[in-house]
Every structure is written in C-alpha cells, then in structure tokens.
Protein backbone atom coordinates (compact mmCIF):
# COMPACT_ATOMS: atom_id res chain seq x y z
CA MET A 1 -14.70 7.89 13.64
CA ILE A 2 -12.42 7.74 16.40
CA ASP A 3 -11.36 11.38 17.69
CA PRO A 4 -7.22 11.05 17.68
CA GLN A 5 -7.24 13.93 20.23
CA LYS A 6 -8.96 11.46 22.48
CA ILE A 7 -6.78 8.61 22.47
CA ASP A 8 -4.36 7.28 24.97
CA PHE A 9 -1.73 5.04 23.27
CA ASN A 10 -0.62 4.02 26.79
CA GLN A 11 -4.04 2.48 27.53
CA LEU A 12 -4.34 0.57 24.82
CA PRO A 13 -3.20 -3.31 23.90
CA LYS A 14 -0.53 -3.40 21.45
CA LYS A 15 1.24 -6.08 19.35
CA PHE A 16 4.80 -5.97 18.26
CA GLY A 17 4.96 -5.41 14.38
CA ASP A 18 8.02 -7.50 12.91
CA GLY A 19 7.37 -7.05 8.99
CA ALA A 20 4.33 -6.29 6.33
CA ILE A 21 3.14 -7.47 3.16
CA GLY A 22 0.88 -6.46 0.76
CA ALA A 23 -0.59 -6.25 -2.70
CA PHE A 24 -3.43 -4.43 -4.42
CA ASN A 25 -5.61 -4.17 -7.43
CA LYS A 26 -7.33 -1.08 -9.30
CA ASP A 27 -9.82 -0.84 -6.08
CA VAL A 28 -8.30 -2.02 -3.23
CA PHE A 29 -5.01 -1.98 -1.29
CA TYR A 30 -4.20 -4.98 1.10
CA PHE A 31 -1.67 -5.09 3.46
CA GLY A 32 -0.65 -7.21 6.49
CA ILE A 33 1.35 -6.63 9.66
CA THR A 34 2.98 -9.58 11.08
CA SER A 35 3.96 -10.03 14.59
CA GLY A 36 5.82 -13.39 15.17
CA ASN A 37 3.30 -16.27 13.52
CA ASN A 38 0.15 -13.89 13.47
CA LEU A 39 -0.89 -11.78 10.53
CA ASP A 40 -3.48 -9.07 10.64
CA VAL A 41 -4.90 -8.37 7.32
CA TYR A 42 -6.69 -5.23 6.17
CA ALA A 43 -8.04 -3.89 2.88
CA THR A 44 -8.54 -0.19 2.12
CA THR A 45 -9.39 2.19 -0.87
CA PRO A 46 -6.58 3.84 -2.61
CA ARG A 47 -7.41 7.03 -1.39
CA VAL A 48 -7.49 5.75 2.25
CA MET A 49 -4.25 3.84 1.55
CA LYS A 50 -2.36 7.03 0.48
CA ASP A 51 -3.57 8.95 3.38
CA ILE A 52 -2.08 6.15 5.75
CA ALA A 53 1.10 6.48 3.67
CA ILE A 54 1.20 10.18 4.16
CA PHE A 55 0.69 9.77 7.87
CA PHE A 56 3.39 7.11 8.31
CA ASN A 57 5.82 9.17 6.08
CA LYS A 58 5.61 12.16 7.92
CA HIS A 59 6.00 10.56 11.55
CA ILE A 60 8.79 9.01 9.92
CA GLU A 61 10.17 12.04 9.01
CA ASN A 62 9.56 13.72 12.53
CA TYR A 63 11.46 10.63 14.04
CA GLU A 64 14.41 11.13 11.72
CA LYS A 65 14.87 14.82 12.50
CA GLN A 66 14.72 13.86 16.13
CA PHE A 67 16.74 10.92 16.45
CA GLY A 68 18.58 10.30 13.26
CA VAL A 69 18.19 8.32 9.93
CA ILE A 70 16.88 5.30 10.63
CA ASP A 71 19.24 1.83 9.83
CA MET A 72 17.93 0.08 7.17
CA SER A 73 20.78 -2.66 6.54
CA ALA A 74 20.31 -6.22 7.47
CA PRO A 75 20.93 -6.84 11.10
CA LEU A 76 24.03 -9.05 12.06
CA ILE A 77 22.33 -12.15 13.34
CA PRO A 78 24.58 -15.24 13.72
CA SER A 79 23.21 -18.34 11.89
CA PRO A 80 22.53 -21.15 14.13
CA LEU A 81 23.88 -23.46 11.43
CA HIS A 82 27.27 -23.30 10.37
CA SER A 83 28.79 -25.09 7.23
CA SER A 84 30.92 -27.15 9.48
CA ASP A 85 27.57 -28.70 10.76
CA LEU A 86 27.11 -29.86 7.27
CA LYS A 87 30.20 -31.83 6.98
CA LYS A 88 28.99 -34.14 9.85
C-alpha cells in the first residue's frame, strides 16, 4: 500500500475530472470518472467505497469551511444553437 505521507501530488500526472458515473450490486461498487471523452472505471468492495466516500466528504467539508459552500447550480453556458436557427 502507498504511504500517503510520502506522496507529492505536485509530481504526479493528472487528468481533469469533469464528471462521474457509477453503479453497484450486492458485492461490488463500480464508478467511473470522465475526463473529456475518456472514462477511467474502477470496481471496489462496499467497505472500500464507503471509506472513499468518507474521505471525500471530509475533504469537501474542510474545503467549504475554508472557501465557502460549493455552488452546485447548473452553469449558465449559452447554447450554440438558437431557436431562430431552427426556422431557417
């Protein structure tokens, strides 16, 4: 197992995660992180998935204490297609 105290995240290659999907059954959780058109998929046990959830929830809680509540409203991205274009 990797010692988290010895990891230098600045030295690791990164992908920008822009979404997530997942599923589960009685024995396995599946989740994928999207990055553009790429998808990295993982499978893990319910116990490990709960450990991951606790880890992320704690980091989100600490982030929001420091920087404020994360805005989860949909971004206002203008559509490249306008109703006036449909009439042509």
